[in-house]
Protein backbone atom coordinates (compact mmCIF):
# COMPACT_ATOMS: atom_id res chain seq x y z
CA UNK A 1 0.00 0.00 0.00
CA UNK A 2 1.30 3.49 -0.83
CA UNK A 3 2.37 5.85 1.92
CA UNK A 4 -0.22 8.43 0.85
CA UNK A 5 -3.03 5.86 1.14
CA UNK A 6 -1.82 4.78 4.57
CA UNK A 7 -1.71 8.38 5.75
CA UNK A 8 -5.20 8.92 4.36
CA UNK A 9 -6.50 5.91 6.31
CA UNK A 10 -4.78 7.05 9.51
CA UNK A 11 -6.21 10.56 9.07
CA UNK A 12 -9.66 9.05 8.56
CA UNK A 13 -9.28 7.17 11.84
CA UNK A 14 -8.36 10.40 13.62
CA UNK A 15 -11.42 12.16 12.21
CA UNK A 16 -13.66 9.37 13.51
CA UNK A 17 -12.00 9.65 16.94
CA UNK A 18 -12.56 13.42 16.93
CA UNK A 19 -16.23 12.80 16.14
CA UNK A 20 -16.51 10.37 19.03
CA UNK A 21 -14.85 12.85 21.39
CA UNK A 22 -17.16 15.65 20.21
CA UNK A 23 -20.17 13.41 20.88
CA UNK A 24 -18.76 12.60 24.32
CA UNK A 25 -18.33 16.30 25.11
CA UNK A 26 -21.88 17.08 23.97
CA UNK A 27 -23.26 14.31 26.15
CA UNK A 28 -21.55 15.83 29.18
CA UNK A 29 -23.29 19.16 28.58
CA UNK A 30 -26.67 17.61 27.90
CA UNK A 31 -29.12 18.16 30.78
CA UNK A 32 -30.81 14.85 29.98
CA UNK A 33 -27.48 13.03 30.01
CA UNK A 34 -27.71 9.31 29.38
CA UNK A 35 -24.98 7.87 31.61
CA UNK A 36 -24.92 4.55 29.78
CA UNK A 37 -24.52 6.27 26.40
CA UNK A 38 -21.71 8.45 27.79
CA UNK A 39 -19.85 5.39 29.08
CA UNK A 40 -20.26 3.67 25.70
CA UNK A 41 -18.90 6.76 23.94
CA UNK A 42 -15.96 6.86 26.34
CA UNK A 43 -15.14 3.21 25.74
CA UNK A 44 -15.48 3.58 21.96
CA UNK A 45 -13.22 6.62 21.76
CA UNK A 46 -10.65 5.00 24.03
CA UNK A 47 -10.58 1.82 21.92
CA UNK A 48 -10.42 3.85 18.69
CA UNK A 49 -7.40 5.77 19.96
CA UNK A 50 -5.71 2.52 20.94
CA UNK A 51 -6.39 1.05 17.49
CA UNK A 52 -5.00 4.19 15.86
CA UNK A 53 -1.80 3.81 17.89
CA UNK A 54 -1.48 0.19 16.88
CA UNK A 55 -2.05 1.01 13.20
CA UNK A 56 0.47 3.84 13.30
CA UNK A 57 3.17 1.72 14.95
CA UNK A 58 2.52 -1.11 12.48
CA UNK A 59 2.88 1.29 9.54
CA UNK A 60 6.06 2.72 11.04
CA UNK A 61 7.56 -0.76 11.47
CA UNK A 62 6.64 -1.79 7.93
CA UNK A 63 8.21 1.37 6.50
CA UNK A 64 11.43 0.93 8.50
CA UNK A 65 11.87 -2.67 7.42
CA UNK A 66 11.09 -1.89 3.79
CA UNK A 67 13.74 0.85 3.76
CA UNK A 68 16.26 -1.77 4.95
CA UNK A 69 17.89 0.38 7.58
CA UNK A 70 20.59 -1.09 9.74
CA UNK A 71 19.44 -3.32 12.54
CA UNK A 72 20.68 -0.99 15.29
CA UNK A 73 18.92 1.98 13.73
CA UNK A 74 15.66 0.05 13.43
CA UNK A 75 15.81 -1.05 17.05
CA UNK A 76 16.40 2.50 18.34
CA UNK A 77 13.66 4.02 16.19
CA UNK A 78 11.24 1.21 16.96
CA UNK A 79 11.73 1.60 20.70
CA UNK A 80 11.16 5.36 20.41
CA UNK A 81 8.00 4.87 18.33
CA UNK A 82 6.49 2.29 20.65
CA UNK A 83 7.30 4.32 23.74
CA UNK A 84 5.81 7.48 22.21
CA UNK A 85 2.69 5.70 20.94
CA UNK A 86 1.81 3.86 24.11
CA UNK A 87 2.80 6.37 26.78
CA UNK A 88 -0.53 8.17 26.32
PDB file of N, CA and C in Angstrom:
ATOM      1  N   UNK A   1       0.848  -1.174   0.000  1.00  0.00           N
ATOM      2  CA  UNK A   1       0.000   0.000   0.000  1.00  0.00           C
ATOM      3  C   UNK A   1       0.903   1.251   0.000  1.00  0.00           C
ATOM      4  N   UNK A   2       0.519   2.260  -0.734  1.00  0.00           N
ATOM      5  CA  UNK A   2       1.296   3.491  -0.825  1.00  0.00           C
ATOM      6  C   UNK A   2       1.228   4.292   0.459  1.00  0.00           C
ATOM      7  N   UNK A   3       2.282   5.040   0.708  1.00  0.00           N
ATOM      8  CA  UNK A   3       2.366   5.847   1.918  1.00  0.00           C
ATOM      9  C   UNK A   3       1.225   6.863   1.987  1.00  0.00           C
ATOM     10  N   UNK A   4       0.878   7.468   0.854  1.00  0.00           N
ATOM     11  CA  UNK A   4      -0.221   8.434   0.850  1.00  0.00           C
ATOM     12  C   UNK A   4      -1.541   7.782   1.248  1.00  0.00           C
ATOM     13  N   UNK A   5      -1.791   6.573   0.785  1.00  0.00           N
ATOM     14  CA  UNK A   5      -3.026   5.864   1.136  1.00  0.00           C
ATOM     15  C   UNK A   5      -3.049   5.512   2.625  1.00  0.00           C
ATOM     16  N   UNK A   6      -1.911   5.104   3.136  1.00  0.00           N
ATOM     17  CA  UNK A   6      -1.815   4.780   4.572  1.00  0.00           C
ATOM     18  C   UNK A   6      -2.088   6.024   5.405  1.00  0.00           C
ATOM     19  N   UNK A   7      -1.479   7.134   5.014  1.00  0.00           N
ATOM     20  CA  UNK A   7      -1.708   8.384   5.751  1.00  0.00           C
ATOM     21  C   UNK A   7      -3.174   8.806   5.673  1.00  0.00           C
ATOM     22  N   UNK A   8      -3.786   8.587   4.519  1.00  0.00           N
ATOM     23  CA  UNK A   8      -5.201   8.922   4.358  1.00  0.00           C
ATOM     24  C   UNK A   8      -6.057   8.085   5.312  1.00  0.00           C
ATOM     25  N   UNK A   9      -5.749   6.793   5.405  1.00  0.00           N
ATOM     26  CA  UNK A   9      -6.498   5.914   6.305  1.00  0.00           C
ATOM     27  C   UNK A   9      -6.291   6.307   7.771  1.00  0.00           C
ATOM     28  N   UNK A  10      -5.054   6.638   8.134  1.00  0.00           N
ATOM     29  CA  UNK A  10      -4.775   7.052   9.508  1.00  0.00           C
ATOM     30  C   UNK A  10      -5.495   8.368   9.832  1.00  0.00           C
ATOM     31  N   UNK A  11      -5.507   9.294   8.882  1.00  0.00           N
ATOM     32  CA  UNK A  11      -6.210  10.560   9.072  1.00  0.00           C
ATOM     33  C   UNK A  11      -7.703  10.318   9.232  1.00  0.00           C
ATOM     34  N   UNK A  12      -8.243   9.394   8.453  1.00  0.00           N
ATOM     35  CA  UNK A  12      -9.662   9.051   8.563  1.00  0.00           C
ATOM     36  C   UNK A  12      -9.974   8.516   9.965  1.00  0.00           C
ATOM     37  N   UNK A  13      -9.094   7.682  10.482  1.00  0.00           N
ATOM     38  CA  UNK A  13      -9.283   7.166  11.845  1.00  0.00           C
ATOM     39  C   UNK A  13      -9.319   8.312  12.854  1.00  0.00           C
ATOM     40  N   UNK A  14      -8.398   9.263  12.695  1.00  0.00           N
ATOM     41  CA  UNK A  14      -8.359  10.400  13.618  1.00  0.00           C
ATOM     42  C   UNK A  14      -9.631  11.224  13.542  1.00  0.00           C
ATOM     43  N   UNK A  15     -10.165  11.394  12.354  1.00  0.00           N
ATOM     44  CA  UNK A  15     -11.420  12.157  12.209  1.00  0.00           C
ATOM     45  C   UNK A  15     -12.573  11.448  12.911  1.00  0.00           C
ATOM     46  N   UNK A  16     -12.609  10.119  12.810  1.00  0.00           N
ATOM     47  CA  UNK A  16     -13.660   9.374  13.510  1.00  0.00           C
ATOM     48  C   UNK A  16     -13.502   9.525  15.026  1.00  0.00           C
ATOM     49  N   UNK A  17     -12.259   9.493  15.505  1.00  0.00           N
ATOM     50  CA  UNK A  17     -12.004   9.654  16.942  1.00  0.00           C
ATOM     51  C   UNK A  17     -12.454  11.046  17.393  1.00  0.00           C
ATOM     52  N   UNK A  18     -12.126  12.061  16.600  1.00  0.00           N
ATOM     53  CA  UNK A  18     -12.564  13.424  16.926  1.00  0.00           C
ATOM     54  C   UNK A  18     -14.083  13.489  17.020  1.00  0.00           C
ATOM     55  N   UNK A  19     -14.766  12.832  16.104  1.00  0.00           N
ATOM     56  CA  UNK A  19     -16.228  12.801  16.143  1.00  0.00           C
ATOM     57  C   UNK A  19     -16.748  12.145  17.404  1.00  0.00           C
ATOM     58  N   UNK A  20     -16.105  11.055  17.804  1.00  0.00           N
ATOM     59  CA  UNK A  20     -16.513  10.373  19.031  1.00  0.00           C
ATOM     60  C   UNK A  20     -16.275  11.267  20.247  1.00  0.00           C
ATOM     61  N   UNK A  21     -15.148  11.962  20.264  1.00  0.00           N
ATOM     62  CA  UNK A  21     -14.849  12.852  21.388  1.00  0.00           C
ATOM     63  C   UNK A  21     -15.811  14.036  21.423  1.00  0.00           C
ATOM     64  N   UNK A  22     -16.170  14.562  20.267  1.00  0.00           N
ATOM     65  CA  UNK A  22     -17.161  15.647  20.215  1.00  0.00           C
ATOM     66  C   UNK A  22     -18.510  15.173  20.763  1.00  0.00           C
ATOM     67  N   UNK A  23     -18.904  13.969  20.382  1.00  0.00           N
ATOM     68  CA  UNK A  23     -20.170  13.412  20.884  1.00  0.00           C
ATOM     69  C   UNK A  23     -20.096  13.212  22.394  1.00  0.00           C
ATOM     70  N   UNK A  24     -18.957  12.790  22.878  1.00  0.00           N
ATOM     71  CA  UNK A  24     -18.765  12.602  24.319  1.00  0.00           C
ATOM     72  C   UNK A  24     -18.877  13.943  25.050  1.00  0.00           C
ATOM     73  N   UNK A  25     -18.254  14.971  24.497  1.00  0.00           N
ATOM     74  CA  UNK A  25     -18.332  16.300  25.109  1.00  0.00           C
ATOM     75  C   UNK A  25     -19.769  16.815  25.127  1.00  0.00           C
ATOM     76  N   UNK A  26     -20.486  16.628  24.036  1.00  0.00           N
ATOM     77  CA  UNK A  26     -21.882  17.076  23.973  1.00  0.00           C
ATOM     78  C   UNK A  26     -22.736  16.352  25.001  1.00  0.00           C
ATOM     79  N   UNK A  27     -22.462  15.068  25.189  1.00  0.00           N
ATOM     80  CA  UNK A  27     -23.265  14.313  26.148  1.00  0.00           C
ATOM     81  C   UNK A  27     -23.029  14.800  27.578  1.00  0.00           C
ATOM     82  N   UNK A  28     -21.837  15.309  27.844  1.00  0.00           N
ATOM     83  CA  UNK A  28     -21.548  15.832  29.180  1.00  0.00           C
ATOM     84  C   UNK A  28     -22.317  17.123  29.466  1.00  0.00           C
ATOM     85  N   UNK A  29     -22.597  17.889  28.420  1.00  0.00           N
ATOM     86  CA  UNK A  29     -23.285  19.161  28.584  1.00  0.00           C
ATOM     87  C   UNK A  29     -24.802  19.042  28.406  1.00  0.00           C
ATOM     88  N   UNK A  30     -25.251  17.862  28.105  1.00  0.00           N
ATOM     89  CA  UNK A  30     -26.674  17.613  27.902  1.00  0.00           C
ATOM     90  C   UNK A  30     -27.352  17.457  29.267  1.00  0.00           C
ATOM     91  N   UNK A  31     -28.416  18.228  29.499  1.00  0.00           N
ATOM     92  CA  UNK A  31     -29.120  18.158  30.785  1.00  0.00           C
ATOM     93  C   UNK A  31     -29.778  16.804  30.992  1.00  0.00           C
ATOM     94  N   UNK A  32     -30.184  16.177  29.903  1.00  0.00           N
ATOM     95  CA  UNK A  32     -30.808  14.853  29.980  1.00  0.00           C
ATOM     96  C   UNK A  32     -29.769  13.767  29.694  1.00  0.00           C
ATOM     97  N   UNK A  33     -28.600  13.918  30.274  1.00  0.00           N
ATOM     98  CA  UNK A  33     -27.479  13.035  30.007  1.00  0.00           C
ATOM     99  C   UNK A  33     -27.840  11.565  30.248  1.00  0.00           C
ATOM    100  N   UNK A  34     -27.527  10.755  29.272  1.00  0.00           N
ATOM    101  CA  UNK A  34     -27.714   9.312  29.378  1.00  0.00           C
ATOM    102  C   UNK A  34     -26.370   8.717  29.800  1.00  0.00           C
ATOM    103  N   UNK A  35     -26.255   8.351  31.064  1.00  0.00           N
ATOM    104  CA  UNK A  35     -24.982   7.870  31.607  1.00  0.00           C
ATOM    105  C   UNK A  35     -24.452   6.654  30.856  1.00  0.00           C
ATOM    106  N   UNK A  36     -25.347   5.747  30.499  1.00  0.00           N
ATOM    107  CA  UNK A  36     -24.916   4.550  29.778  1.00  0.00           C
ATOM    108  C   UNK A  36     -24.331   4.924  28.412  1.00  0.00           C
ATOM    109  N   UNK A  37     -25.002   5.837  27.714  1.00  0.00           N
ATOM    110  CA  UNK A  37     -24.520   6.270  26.403  1.00  0.00           C
ATOM    111  C   UNK A  37     -23.154   6.952  26.541  1.00  0.00           C
ATOM    112  N   UNK A  38     -22.978   7.765  27.568  1.00  0.00           N
ATOM    113  CA  UNK A  38     -21.705   8.452  27.788  1.00  0.00           C
ATOM    114  C   UNK A  38     -20.586   7.448  28.031  1.00  0.00           C
ATOM    115  N   UNK A  39     -20.860   6.424  28.821  1.00  0.00           N
ATOM    116  CA  UNK A  39     -19.849   5.392  29.076  1.00  0.00           C
ATOM    117  C   UNK A  39     -19.499   4.631  27.801  1.00  0.00           C
ATOM    118  N   UNK A  40     -20.501   4.358  26.975  1.00  0.00           N
ATOM    119  CA  UNK A  40     -20.260   3.670  25.705  1.00  0.00           C
ATOM    120  C   UNK A  40     -19.395   4.544  24.792  1.00  0.00           C
ATOM    121  N   UNK A  41     -19.703   5.836  24.742  1.00  0.00           N
ATOM    122  CA  UNK A  41     -18.896   6.757  23.936  1.00  0.00           C
ATOM    123  C   UNK A  41     -17.456   6.823  24.443  1.00  0.00           C
ATOM    124  N   UNK A  42     -17.291   6.828  25.746  1.00  0.00           N
ATOM    125  CA  UNK A  42     -15.958   6.859  26.341  1.00  0.00           C
ATOM    126  C   UNK A  42     -15.171   5.614  25.964  1.00  0.00           C
ATOM    127  N   UNK A  43     -15.791   4.470  26.090  1.00  0.00           N
ATOM    128  CA  UNK A  43     -15.138   3.206  25.741  1.00  0.00           C
ATOM    129  C   UNK A  43     -14.792   3.172  24.255  1.00  0.00           C
ATOM    130  N   UNK A  44     -15.712   3.599  23.404  1.00  0.00           N
ATOM    131  CA  UNK A  44     -15.484   3.575  21.958  1.00  0.00           C
ATOM    132  C   UNK A  44     -14.329   4.486  21.562  1.00  0.00           C
ATOM    133  N   UNK A  45     -14.290   5.688  22.124  1.00  0.00           N
ATOM    134  CA  UNK A  45     -13.216   6.617  21.761  1.00  0.00           C
ATOM    135  C   UNK A  45     -11.867   6.131  22.290  1.00  0.00           C
ATOM    136  N   UNK A  46     -11.873   5.547  23.461  1.00  0.00           N
ATOM    137  CA  UNK A  46     -10.647   5.000  24.027  1.00  0.00           C
ATOM    138  C   UNK A  46     -10.107   3.848  23.166  1.00  0.00           C
ATOM    139  N   UNK A  47     -10.983   2.950  22.769  1.00  0.00           N
ATOM    140  CA  UNK A  47     -10.582   1.821  21.916  1.00  0.00           C
ATOM    141  C   UNK A  47     -10.116   2.310  20.543  1.00  0.00           C
ATOM    142  N   UNK A  48     -10.796   3.315  19.997  1.00  0.00           N
ATOM    143  CA  UNK A  48     -10.425   3.849  18.687  1.00  0.00           C
ATOM    144  C   UNK A  48      -9.035   4.470  18.735  1.00  0.00           C
ATOM    145  N   UNK A  49      -8.724   5.175  19.811  1.00  0.00           N
ATOM    146  CA  UNK A  49      -7.403   5.769  19.956  1.00  0.00           C
ATOM    147  C   UNK A  49      -6.331   4.684  20.077  1.00  0.00           C
ATOM    148  N   UNK A  50      -6.638   3.640  20.814  1.00  0.00           N
ATOM    149  CA  UNK A  50      -5.707   2.524  20.945  1.00  0.00           C
ATOM    150  C   UNK A  50      -5.460   1.869  19.582  1.00  0.00           C
ATOM    151  N   UNK A  51      -6.519   1.654  18.820  1.00  0.00           N
ATOM    152  CA  UNK A  51      -6.387   1.045  17.494  1.00  0.00           C
ATOM    153  C   UNK A  51      -5.595   1.949  16.548  1.00  0.00           C
ATOM    154  N   UNK A  52      -5.788   3.267  16.666  1.00  0.00           N
ATOM    155  CA  UNK A  52      -5.004   4.194  15.861  1.00  0.00           C
ATOM    156  C   UNK A  52      -3.520   4.038  16.190  1.00  0.00           C
ATOM    157  N   UNK A  53      -3.194   3.985  17.472  1.00  0.00           N
ATOM    158  CA  UNK A  53      -1.797   3.814  17.894  1.00  0.00           C
ATOM    159  C   UNK A  53      -1.202   2.531  17.349  1.00  0.00           C
ATOM    160  N   UNK A  54      -1.961   1.464  17.409  1.00  0.00           N
ATOM    161  CA  UNK A  54      -1.477   0.187  16.884  1.00  0.00           C
ATOM    162  C   UNK A  54      -1.244   0.266  15.380  1.00  0.00           C
ATOM    163  N   UNK A  55      -2.180   0.887  14.649  1.00  0.00           N
ATOM    164  CA  UNK A  55      -2.055   1.008  13.199  1.00  0.00           C
ATOM    165  C   UNK A  55      -0.855   1.878  12.835  1.00  0.00           C
ATOM    166  N   UNK A  56      -0.654   2.952  13.588  1.00  0.00           N
ATOM    167  CA  UNK A  56       0.466   3.840  13.303  1.00  0.00           C
ATOM    168  C   UNK A  56       1.793   3.132  13.538  1.00  0.00           C
ATOM    169  N   UNK A  57       1.925   2.435  14.654  1.00  0.00           N
ATOM    170  CA  UNK A  57       3.169   1.718  14.949  1.00  0.00           C
ATOM    171  C   UNK A  57       3.415   0.629  13.906  1.00  0.00           C
ATOM    172  N   UNK A  58       2.373  -0.065  13.504  1.00  0.00           N
ATOM    173  CA  UNK A  58       2.517  -1.109  12.481  1.00  0.00           C
ATOM    174  C   UNK A  58       3.028  -0.513  11.175  1.00  0.00           C
ATOM    175  N   UNK A  59       2.449   0.619  10.775  1.00  0.00           N
ATOM    176  CA  UNK A  59       2.877   1.286   9.540  1.00  0.00           C
ATOM    177  C   UNK A  59       4.328   1.727   9.656  1.00  0.00           C
ATOM    178  N   UNK A  60       4.690   2.264  10.800  1.00  0.00           N
ATOM    179  CA  UNK A  60       6.062   2.716  11.039  1.00  0.00           C
ATOM    180  C   UNK A  60       7.039   1.544  10.926  1.00  0.00           C
ATOM    181  N   UNK A  61       6.692   0.425  11.533  1.00  0.00           N
ATOM    182  CA  UNK A  61       7.564  -0.758  11.472  1.00  0.00           C
ATOM    183  C   UNK A  61       7.701  -1.252  10.043  1.00  0.00           C
ATOM    184  N   UNK A  62       6.599  -1.325   9.322  1.00  0.00           N
ATOM    185  CA  UNK A  62       6.641  -1.790   7.931  1.00  0.00           C
ATOM    186  C   UNK A  62       7.529  -0.889   7.081  1.00  0.00           C
ATOM    187  N   UNK A  63       7.411   0.419   7.272  1.00  0.00           N
ATOM    188  CA  UNK A  63       8.207   1.370   6.499  1.00  0.00           C
ATOM    189  C   UNK A  63       9.685   1.224   6.830  1.00  0.00           C
ATOM    190  N   UNK A  64      10.024   1.071   8.099  1.00  0.00           N
ATOM    191  CA  UNK A  64      11.426   0.931   8.496  1.00  0.00           C
ATOM    192  C   UNK A  64      12.049  -0.321   7.889  1.00  0.00           C
ATOM    193  N   UNK A  65      11.313  -1.431   7.952  1.00  0.00           N
ATOM    194  CA  UNK A  65      11.868  -2.668   7.418  1.00  0.00           C
ATOM    195  C   UNK A  65      11.975  -2.633   5.900  1.00  0.00           C
ATOM    196  N   UNK A  66      11.033  -1.955   5.247  1.00  0.00           N
ATOM    197  CA  UNK A  66      11.087  -1.893   3.792  1.00  0.00           C
ATOM    198  C   UNK A  66      12.218  -0.991   3.309  1.00  0.00           C
ATOM    199  N   UNK A  67      12.625  -0.027   4.126  1.00  0.00           N
ATOM    200  CA  UNK A  67      13.737   0.850   3.763  1.00  0.00           C
ATOM    201  C   UNK A  67      15.080   0.188   4.038  1.00  0.00           C
ATOM    202  N   UNK A  68      15.061  -0.978   4.682  1.00  0.00           N
ATOM    203  CA  UNK A  68      16.263  -1.770   4.954  1.00  0.00           C
ATOM    204  C   UNK A  68      17.341  -0.980   5.691  1.00  0.00           C
ATOM    205  N   UNK A  69      16.934  -0.329   6.736  1.00  0.00           N
ATOM    206  CA  UNK A  69      17.891   0.384   7.578  1.00  0.00           C
ATOM    207  C   UNK A  69      18.694  -0.631   8.377  1.00  0.00           C
ATOM    208  N   UNK A  70      19.772  -0.180   8.943  1.00  0.00           N
ATOM    209  CA  UNK A  70      20.590  -1.088   9.738  1.00  0.00           C
ATOM    210  C   UNK A  70      19.801  -1.560  10.952  1.00  0.00           C
ATOM    211  N   UNK A  71      20.154  -2.703  11.430  1.00  0.00           N
ATOM    212  CA  UNK A  71      19.437  -3.322  12.541  1.00  0.00           C
ATOM    213  C   UNK A  71      19.447  -2.444  13.787  1.00  0.00           C
ATOM    214  N   UNK A  72      20.581  -1.840  14.105  1.00  0.00           N
ATOM    215  CA  UNK A  72      20.685  -0.994  15.294  1.00  0.00           C
ATOM    216  C   UNK A  72      19.781   0.220  15.149  1.00  0.00           C
ATOM    217  N   UNK A  73      19.765   0.815  13.977  1.00  0.00           N
ATOM    218  CA  UNK A  73      18.921   1.983  13.729  1.00  0.00           C
ATOM    219  C   UNK A  73      17.446   1.624  13.870  1.00  0.00           C
ATOM    220  N   UNK A  74      17.054   0.494  13.327  1.00  0.00           N
ATOM    221  CA  UNK A  74      15.662   0.050  13.427  1.00  0.00           C
ATOM    222  C   UNK A  74      15.272  -0.144  14.889  1.00  0.00           C
ATOM    223  N   UNK A  75      16.124  -0.785  15.654  1.00  0.00           N
ATOM    224  CA  UNK A  75      15.807  -1.045  17.053  1.00  0.00           C
ATOM    225  C   UNK A  75      15.630   0.256  17.838  1.00  0.00           C
ATOM    226  N   UNK A  76      16.512   1.221  17.630  1.00  0.00           N
ATOM    227  CA  UNK A  76      16.403   2.500  18.339  1.00  0.00           C
ATOM    228  C   UNK A  76      15.116   3.222  17.958  1.00  0.00           C
ATOM    229  N   UNK A  77      14.854   3.317  16.646  1.00  0.00           N
ATOM    230  CA  UNK A  77      13.660   4.021  16.186  1.00  0.00           C
ATOM    231  C   UNK A  77      12.385   3.303  16.613  1.00  0.00           C
ATOM    232  N   UNK A  78      12.403   1.987  16.574  1.00  0.00           N
ATOM    233  CA  UNK A  78      11.235   1.208  16.960  1.00  0.00           C
ATOM    234  C   UNK A  78      10.920   1.400  18.442  1.00  0.00           C
ATOM    235  N   UNK A  79      11.939   1.379  19.273  1.00  0.00           N
ATOM    236  CA  UNK A  79      11.731   1.603  20.704  1.00  0.00           C
ATOM    237  C   UNK A  79      11.162   2.992  20.962  1.00  0.00           C
ATOM    238  N   UNK A  80      11.665   3.995  20.253  1.00  0.00           N
ATOM    239  CA  UNK A  80      11.162   5.362  20.406  1.00  0.00           C
ATOM    240  C   UNK A  80       9.696   5.443  19.974  1.00  0.00           C
ATOM    241  N   UNK A  81       9.383   4.813  18.849  1.00  0.00           N
ATOM    242  CA  UNK A  81       8.004   4.873  18.326  1.00  0.00           C
ATOM    243  C   UNK A  81       7.031   4.178  19.264  1.00  0.00           C
ATOM    244  N   UNK A  82       7.383   3.034  19.752  1.00  0.00           N
ATOM    245  CA  UNK A  82       6.490   2.286  20.650  1.00  0.00           C
ATOM    246  C   UNK A  82       6.317   3.051  21.959  1.00  0.00           C
ATOM    247  N   UNK A  83       7.394   3.572  22.495  1.00  0.00           N
ATOM    248  CA  UNK A  83       7.300   4.325  23.744  1.00  0.00           C
ATOM    249  C   UNK A  83       6.423   5.562  23.565  1.00  0.00           C
ATOM    250  N   UNK A  84       6.609   6.275  22.469  1.00  0.00           N
ATOM    251  CA  UNK A  84       5.810   7.475  22.209  1.00  0.00           C
ATOM    252  C   UNK A  84       4.331   7.129  21.994  1.00  0.00           C
ATOM    253  N   UNK A  85       4.064   6.057  21.272  1.00  0.00           N
ATOM    254  CA  UNK A  85       2.693   5.705  20.943  1.00  0.00           C
ATOM    255  C   UNK A  85       1.900   5.196  22.142  1.00  0.00           C
ATOM    256  N   UNK A  86       2.560   4.501  23.030  1.00  0.00           N
ATOM    257  CA  UNK A  86       1.811   3.863  24.109  1.00  0.00           C
ATOM    258  C   UNK A  86       2.040   4.486  25.478  1.00  0.00           C
ATOM    259  N   UNK A  87       2.670   5.657  25.501  1.00  0.00           N
ATOM    260  CA  UNK A  87       2.799   6.368  26.777  1.00  0.00           C
ATOM    261  C   UNK A  87       1.769   7.488  26.831  1.00  0.00           C
ATOM    262  N   UNK A  88       0.549   7.169  26.354  1.00  0.00           N
ATOM    263  CA  UNK A  88      -0.533   8.168  26.318  1.00  0.00           C
ATOM    264  C   UNK A  88      -1.134   8.348  27.690  1.00  0.00           C
TER     265      UNK A  88
END
